[in-house]
């Protein structure tokens, strides 16, 4: 069973930065780009904090107001939260569950798409992946040039996450290039079915 990513990441940030405001948890996860690779949306952080407080995984450390800013709640991990975080992290680290991606289904249905559209889509993917790799490689360099202290900049472990994303992107790019070449050369010719309209 897959570990609930938002819950695990929010617990991790509370644990790492406690006592911490929900806004700081949100900001930290955005600095990790978790909205992109883990689909952790900024609004879901606050929902996760409420649910985890209700479930006894985090506790309110205090409520305060700084000047004219709105009142903010500060959270700390509970003993139960520490246990649940450890269990979730362990399960995720040992998981070899393959990622589920709608593109896998689309690849299996290529014979039912017009050949020229498949070629155009592959060319588009190749351009996108090439641009993504430039971005990811630059981000890794930028993050590693910082202190690594999460209270100042992105922690260095975020660079490792981006390296993993870059490696996946490189594999997808390689597959896309090879598949395009196989289609264009005629080696891969699967268009016997009726394409959609």
C-alpha atoms as a PDB file:
ATOM      1  CA  UNK A   1       0.000   0.000   0.000  1.00  0.00           C
ATOM      2  CA  UNK A   2       1.312   3.442  -0.903  1.00  0.00           C
ATOM      3  CA  UNK A   3       2.292   5.825   1.867  1.00  0.00           C
ATOM      4  CA  UNK A   4       0.222   9.062   1.928  1.00  0.00           C
ATOM      5  CA  UNK A   5       2.894  11.443   0.663  1.00  0.00           C
ATOM      6  CA  UNK A   6       1.434  14.737   1.894  1.00  0.00           C
ATOM      7  CA  UNK A   7       0.986  13.372   5.418  1.00  0.00           C
ATOM      8  CA  UNK A   8       4.531  11.991   5.538  1.00  0.00           C
ATOM      9  CA  UNK A   9       6.106  15.193   4.197  1.00  0.00           C
ATOM     10  CA  UNK A  10       4.147  17.476   6.521  1.00  0.00           C
ATOM     11  CA  UNK A  11       5.096  15.302   9.503  1.00  0.00           C
ATOM     12  CA  UNK A  12       8.726  15.434   8.364  1.00  0.00           C
ATOM     13  CA  UNK A  13       8.796  19.229   8.160  1.00  0.00           C
ATOM     14  CA  UNK A  14       7.059  19.654  11.527  1.00  0.00           C
ATOM     15  CA  UNK A  15       9.612  17.251  13.007  1.00  0.00           C
ATOM     16  CA  UNK A  16      12.547  19.041  11.380  1.00  0.00           C
ATOM     17  CA  UNK A  17      11.521  22.632  12.178  1.00  0.00           C
ATOM     18  CA  UNK A  18       9.437  22.324  15.352  1.00  0.00           C
ATOM     19  CA  UNK A  19       7.938  24.349  16.794  1.00  0.00           C
ATOM     20  CA  UNK A  20       6.673  25.537  13.421  1.00  0.00           C
ATOM     21  CA  UNK A  21       3.791  27.495  11.901  1.00  0.00           C
ATOM     22  CA  UNK A  22       1.676  25.986   9.132  1.00  0.00           C
ATOM     23  CA  UNK A  23       2.817  28.758   6.803  1.00  0.00           C
ATOM     24  CA  UNK A  24       6.451  27.749   7.335  1.00  0.00           C
ATOM     25  CA  UNK A  25       5.616  24.088   6.652  1.00  0.00           C
ATOM     26  CA  UNK A  26       3.949  25.143   3.401  1.00  0.00           C
ATOM     27  CA  UNK A  27       6.848  27.403   2.422  1.00  0.00           C
ATOM     28  CA  UNK A  28       9.409  24.701   3.174  1.00  0.00           C
ATOM     29  CA  UNK A  29       7.624  22.104   1.049  1.00  0.00           C
ATOM     30  CA  UNK A  30       7.317  24.593  -1.817  1.00  0.00           C
ATOM     31  CA  UNK A  31      11.080  25.240  -1.569  1.00  0.00           C
ATOM     32  CA  UNK A  32      11.537  21.477  -2.020  1.00  0.00           C
ATOM     33  CA  UNK A  33       9.305  21.652  -5.142  1.00  0.00           C
ATOM     34  CA  UNK A  34       7.034  19.039  -3.510  1.00  0.00           C
ATOM     35  CA  UNK A  35       4.093  20.559  -5.369  1.00  0.00           C
ATOM     36  CA  UNK A  36       5.656  19.193  -8.580  1.00  0.00           C
ATOM     37  CA  UNK A  37       7.132  15.784  -7.690  1.00  0.00           C
ATOM     38  CA  UNK A  38       4.735  14.791  -4.913  1.00  0.00           C
ATOM     39  CA  UNK A  39       1.648  16.781  -5.924  1.00  0.00           C
ATOM     40  CA  UNK A  40       1.564  18.396  -2.463  1.00  0.00           C
ATOM     41  CA  UNK A  41      -0.636  21.409  -3.047  1.00  0.00           C
ATOM     42  CA  UNK A  42      -0.151  24.405  -0.737  1.00  0.00           C
ATOM     43  CA  UNK A  43      -3.737  24.273   0.530  1.00  0.00           C
ATOM     44  CA  UNK A  44      -3.470  20.581   1.387  1.00  0.00           C
ATOM     45  CA  UNK A  45      -0.787  21.345   3.969  1.00  0.00           C
ATOM     46  CA  UNK A  46      -3.285  23.107   6.243  1.00  0.00           C
ATOM     47  CA  UNK A  47      -5.804  20.281   5.868  1.00  0.00           C
ATOM     48  CA  UNK A  48      -3.094  17.766   6.716  1.00  0.00           C
ATOM     49  CA  UNK A  49      -2.109  19.747   9.827  1.00  0.00           C
ATOM     50  CA  UNK A  50      -5.726  19.789  11.078  1.00  0.00           C
ATOM     51  CA  UNK A  51      -6.152  16.067  10.433  1.00  0.00           C
ATOM     52  CA  UNK A  52      -2.854  15.211  12.109  1.00  0.00           C
ATOM     53  CA  UNK A  53      -3.738  17.338  15.121  1.00  0.00           C
ATOM     54  CA  UNK A  54      -7.090  15.549  15.370  1.00  0.00           C
ATOM     55  CA  UNK A  55      -5.295  12.186  15.077  1.00  0.00           C
ATOM     56  CA  UNK A  56      -2.831  13.108  17.844  1.00  0.00           C
ATOM     57  CA  UNK A  57       0.250  13.128  15.610  1.00  0.00           C
ATOM     58  CA  UNK A  58       1.002  16.808  16.221  1.00  0.00           C
ATOM     59  CA  UNK A  59       0.068  19.122  19.063  1.00  0.00           C
ATOM     60  CA  UNK A  60      -0.413  22.852  19.275  1.00  0.00           C
ATOM     61  CA  UNK A  61       2.652  24.407  20.871  1.00  0.00           C
ATOM     62  CA  UNK A  62       1.132  27.864  20.972  1.00  0.00           C
ATOM     63  CA  UNK A  63      -0.956  30.492  19.246  1.00  0.00           C
ATOM     64  CA  UNK A  64       0.380  33.960  18.735  1.00  0.00           C
ATOM     65  CA  UNK A  65       0.213  37.105  16.711  1.00  0.00           C
ATOM     66  CA  UNK A  66       3.122  39.127  15.392  1.00  0.00           C
ATOM     67  CA  UNK A  67       2.152  42.763  14.876  1.00  0.00           C
ATOM     68  CA  UNK A  68      -0.719  43.203  12.427  1.00  0.00           C
ATOM     69  CA  UNK A  69      -0.277  39.716  10.997  1.00  0.00           C
ATOM     70  CA  UNK A  70      -3.062  37.181  11.490  1.00  0.00           C
ATOM     71  CA  UNK A  71      -2.908  34.864  14.481  1.00  0.00           C
ATOM     72  CA  UNK A  72      -0.736  31.797  13.771  1.00  0.00           C
ATOM     73  CA  UNK A  73      -0.646  28.372  15.383  1.00  0.00           C
ATOM     74  CA  UNK A  74       2.652  26.677  16.150  1.00  0.00           C
ATOM     75  CA  UNK A  75       2.882  22.871  16.033  1.00  0.00           C
ATOM     76  CA  UNK A  76       5.141  20.222  17.538  1.00  0.00           C
ATOM     77  CA  UNK A  77       5.326  16.485  16.810  1.00  0.00           C
ATOM     78  CA  UNK A  78       3.883  14.153  19.466  1.00  0.00           C
ATOM     79  CA  UNK A  79       5.338  10.804  20.524  1.00  0.00           C
ATOM     80  CA  UNK A  80       2.674   9.088  18.399  1.00  0.00           C
ATOM     81  CA  UNK A  81       3.547  11.399  15.485  1.00  0.00           C
ATOM     82  CA  UNK A  82       7.200  10.397  15.788  1.00  0.00           C
ATOM     83  CA  UNK A  83       6.235   6.709  15.657  1.00  0.00           C
ATOM     84  CA  UNK A  84       3.883   7.153  12.681  1.00  0.00           C
ATOM     85  CA  UNK A  85       6.470   9.240  10.826  1.00  0.00           C
ATOM     86  CA  UNK A  86       9.114   6.540  11.353  1.00  0.00           C
ATOM     87  CA  UNK A  87       6.745   3.809  10.166  1.00  0.00           C
ATOM     88  CA  UNK A  88       5.738   5.790   7.072  1.00  0.00           C
ATOM     89  CA  UNK A  89       9.304   6.680   6.151  1.00  0.00           C
ATOM     90  CA  UNK A  90      10.469   3.094   6.613  1.00  0.00           C
ATOM     91  CA  UNK A  91       7.628   1.771   4.439  1.00  0.00           C
ATOM     92  CA  UNK A  92       8.328   4.355   1.708  1.00  0.00           C
ATOM     93  CA  UNK A  93      12.098   3.708   1.753  1.00  0.00           C
ATOM     94  CA  UNK A  94      11.623  -0.036   1.334  1.00  0.00           C
ATOM     95  CA  UNK A  95       8.894   0.286  -1.291  1.00  0.00           C
ATOM     96  CA  UNK A  96       9.605  -0.959  -4.783  1.00  0.00           C
ATOM     97  CA  UNK A  97       6.084  -0.278  -5.991  1.00  0.00           C
ATOM     98  CA  UNK A  98       6.314   1.026  -9.552  1.00  0.00           C
ATOM     99  CA  UNK A  99       4.926   4.501 -10.148  1.00  0.00           C
ATOM    100  CA  UNK A 100       1.491   4.613 -11.727  1.00  0.00           C
ATOM    101  CA  UNK A 101       1.359   6.911 -14.689  1.00  0.00           C
ATOM    102  CA  UNK A 102      -1.368   7.435 -17.265  1.00  0.00           C
ATOM    103  CA  UNK A 103       1.275   7.564 -19.995  1.00  0.00           C
ATOM    104  CA  UNK A 104       1.848   3.808 -19.583  1.00  0.00           C
ATOM    105  CA  UNK A 105      -1.765   3.246 -20.591  1.00  0.00           C
ATOM    106  CA  UNK A 106      -1.421   5.663 -23.517  1.00  0.00           C
ATOM    107  CA  UNK A 107       1.658   3.791 -24.809  1.00  0.00           C
ATOM    108  CA  UNK A 108      -0.286   0.528 -24.824  1.00  0.00           C
ATOM    109  CA  UNK A 109      -2.944   2.257 -26.960  1.00  0.00           C
ATOM    110  CA  UNK A 110      -0.599   3.814 -29.549  1.00  0.00           C
ATOM    111  CA  UNK A 111      -2.039   1.643 -32.369  1.00  0.00           C
ATOM    112  CA  UNK A 112      -5.362   3.473 -31.960  1.00  0.00           C
ATOM    113  CA  UNK A 113      -3.911   6.976 -32.345  1.00  0.00           C
ATOM    114  CA  UNK A 114      -2.994   8.504 -35.699  1.00  0.00           C
ATOM    115  CA  UNK A 115       0.695   7.819 -36.497  1.00  0.00           C
ATOM    116  CA  UNK A 116       1.447  11.497 -37.214  1.00  0.00           C
ATOM    117  CA  UNK A 117      -0.055  12.516 -33.863  1.00  0.00           C
ATOM    118  CA  UNK A 118       2.078   9.943 -32.010  1.00  0.00           C
ATOM    119  CA  UNK A 119       5.180  11.294 -33.780  1.00  0.00           C
ATOM    120  CA  UNK A 120       4.256  14.903 -32.925  1.00  0.00           C
ATOM    121  CA  UNK A 121       3.584  13.962 -29.296  1.00  0.00           C
ATOM    122  CA  UNK A 122       6.939  12.167 -28.997  1.00  0.00           C
ATOM    123  CA  UNK A 123       8.780  15.150 -30.487  1.00  0.00           C
ATOM    124  CA  UNK A 124       7.009  17.415 -28.009  1.00  0.00           C
ATOM    125  CA  UNK A 125       7.928  15.134 -25.076  1.00  0.00           C
ATOM    126  CA  UNK A 126      11.564  15.121 -26.200  1.00  0.00           C
ATOM    127  CA  UNK A 127      11.727  18.934 -26.252  1.00  0.00           C
ATOM    128  CA  UNK A 128      10.014  19.158 -22.858  1.00  0.00           C
ATOM    129  CA  UNK A 129      12.329  16.583 -21.274  1.00  0.00           C
ATOM    130  CA  UNK A 130      15.424  18.304 -22.683  1.00  0.00           C
ATOM    131  CA  UNK A 131      14.282  21.615 -21.161  1.00  0.00           C
ATOM    132  CA  UNK A 132      13.396  19.912 -17.868  1.00  0.00           C
ATOM    133  CA  UNK A 133      16.885  18.412 -17.622  1.00  0.00           C
ATOM    134  CA  UNK A 134      18.538  21.809 -18.057  1.00  0.00           C
ATOM    135  CA  UNK A 135      16.326  23.177 -15.257  1.00  0.00           C
ATOM    136  CA  UNK A 136      16.872  20.199 -12.919  1.00  0.00           C
ATOM    137  CA  UNK A 137      20.650  20.184 -13.370  1.00  0.00           C
ATOM    138  CA  UNK A 138      20.836  23.935 -12.676  1.00  0.00           C
ATOM    139  CA  UNK A 139      18.621  23.576  -9.611  1.00  0.00           C
ATOM    140  CA  UNK A 140      20.857  20.836  -8.198  1.00  0.00           C
ATOM    141  CA  UNK A 141      23.902  23.107  -8.582  1.00  0.00           C
ATOM    142  CA  UNK A 142      22.052  26.067  -7.034  1.00  0.00           C
ATOM    143  CA  UNK A 143      20.831  24.073  -4.033  1.00  0.00           C
ATOM    144  CA  UNK A 144      24.236  22.533  -3.348  1.00  0.00           C
ATOM    145  CA  UNK A 145      25.808  26.008  -3.462  1.00  0.00           C
ATOM    146  CA  UNK A 146      23.661  27.012  -0.452  1.00  0.00           C
ATOM    147  CA  UNK A 147      24.238  26.230   3.194  1.00  0.00           C
ATOM    148  CA  UNK A 148      21.838  23.274   3.332  1.00  0.00           C
ATOM    149  CA  UNK A 149      20.247  24.706   6.483  1.00  0.00           C
ATOM    150  CA  UNK A 150      16.451  24.489   5.992  1.00  0.00           C
ATOM    151  CA  UNK A 151      15.950  27.682   7.987  1.00  0.00           C
ATOM    152  CA  UNK A 152      18.050  29.605   5.416  1.00  0.00           C
ATOM    153  CA  UNK A 153      17.645  27.807   2.072  1.00  0.00           C
ATOM    154  CA  UNK A 154      16.636  24.450   0.614  1.00  0.00           C
ATOM    155  CA  UNK A 155      18.314  21.571   2.440  1.00  0.00           C
ATOM    156  CA  UNK A 156      20.869  19.608   0.415  1.00  0.00           C
ATOM    157  CA  UNK A 157      18.669  16.491   0.390  1.00  0.00           C
ATOM    158  CA  UNK A 158      16.343  18.335  -2.000  1.00  0.00           C
ATOM    159  CA  UNK A 159      19.171  18.160  -4.569  1.00  0.00           C
ATOM    160  CA  UNK A 160      19.143  14.366  -4.223  1.00  0.00           C
ATOM    161  CA  UNK A 161      15.427  14.359  -4.934  1.00  0.00           C
ATOM    162  CA  UNK A 162      16.019  16.490  -8.014  1.00  0.00           C
ATOM    163  CA  UNK A 163      18.779  14.134  -9.174  1.00  0.00           C
ATOM    164  CA  UNK A 164      16.304  11.259  -8.926  1.00  0.00           C
ATOM    165  CA  UNK A 165      13.777  13.276 -10.949  1.00  0.00           C
ATOM    166  CA  UNK A 166      16.488  14.064 -13.521  1.00  0.00           C
ATOM    167  CA  UNK A 167      17.417  10.388 -13.816  1.00  0.00           C
ATOM    168  CA  UNK A 168      13.757   9.462 -14.405  1.00  0.00           C
ATOM    169  CA  UNK A 169      13.505  12.247 -16.973  1.00  0.00           C
ATOM    170  CA  UNK A 170      16.664  11.012 -18.731  1.00  0.00           C
ATOM    171  CA  UNK A 171      15.198   7.488 -18.912  1.00  0.00           C
ATOM    172  CA  UNK A 172      11.920   8.833 -20.309  1.00  0.00           C
ATOM    173  CA  UNK A 173      13.830  11.000 -22.795  1.00  0.00           C
ATOM    174  CA  UNK A 174      15.887   8.005 -23.933  1.00  0.00           C
ATOM    175  CA  UNK A 175      12.752   5.885 -24.381  1.00  0.00           C
ATOM    176  CA  UNK A 176      11.007   8.689 -26.298  1.00  0.00           C
ATOM    177  CA  UNK A 177      13.964   9.196 -28.651  1.00  0.00           C
ATOM    178  CA  UNK A 178      14.296   5.458 -29.357  1.00  0.00           C
ATOM    179  CA  UNK A 179      10.573   5.012 -29.894  1.00  0.00           C
ATOM    180  CA  UNK A 180      10.405   8.002 -32.250  1.00  0.00           C
ATOM    181  CA  UNK A 181      13.356   6.612 -34.212  1.00  0.00           C
ATOM    182  CA  UNK A 182      11.697   3.161 -34.405  1.00  0.00           C
ATOM    183  CA  UNK A 183       8.440   4.675 -35.684  1.00  0.00           C
ATOM    184  CA  UNK A 184      10.105   6.960 -38.225  1.00  0.00           C
ATOM    185  CA  UNK A 185      12.317   4.128 -39.552  1.00  0.00           C
ATOM    186  CA  UNK A 186       9.317   1.809 -39.912  1.00  0.00           C
ATOM    187  CA  UNK A 187      10.658  -0.699 -37.383  1.00  0.00           C
ATOM    188  CA  UNK A 188       7.671   0.019 -35.127  1.00  0.00           C
ATOM    189  CA  UNK A 189       4.560  -0.107 -37.280  1.00  0.00           C
ATOM    190  CA  UNK A 190       1.500  -0.961 -35.224  1.00  0.00           C
ATOM    191  CA  UNK A 191      -1.175   1.022 -37.043  1.00  0.00           C
ATOM    192  CA  UNK A 192      -3.514  -1.751 -38.150  1.00  0.00           C
ATOM    193  CA  UNK A 193      -6.393  -0.650 -35.938  1.00  0.00           C
ATOM    194  CA  UNK A 194      -8.835   2.155 -36.533  1.00  0.00           C
ATOM    195  CA  UNK A 195      -7.456   5.447 -35.066  1.00  0.00           C
ATOM    196  CA  UNK A 196      -9.750   7.584 -32.963  1.00  0.00           C
ATOM    197  CA  UNK A 197     -11.338  10.597 -34.552  1.00  0.00           C
END
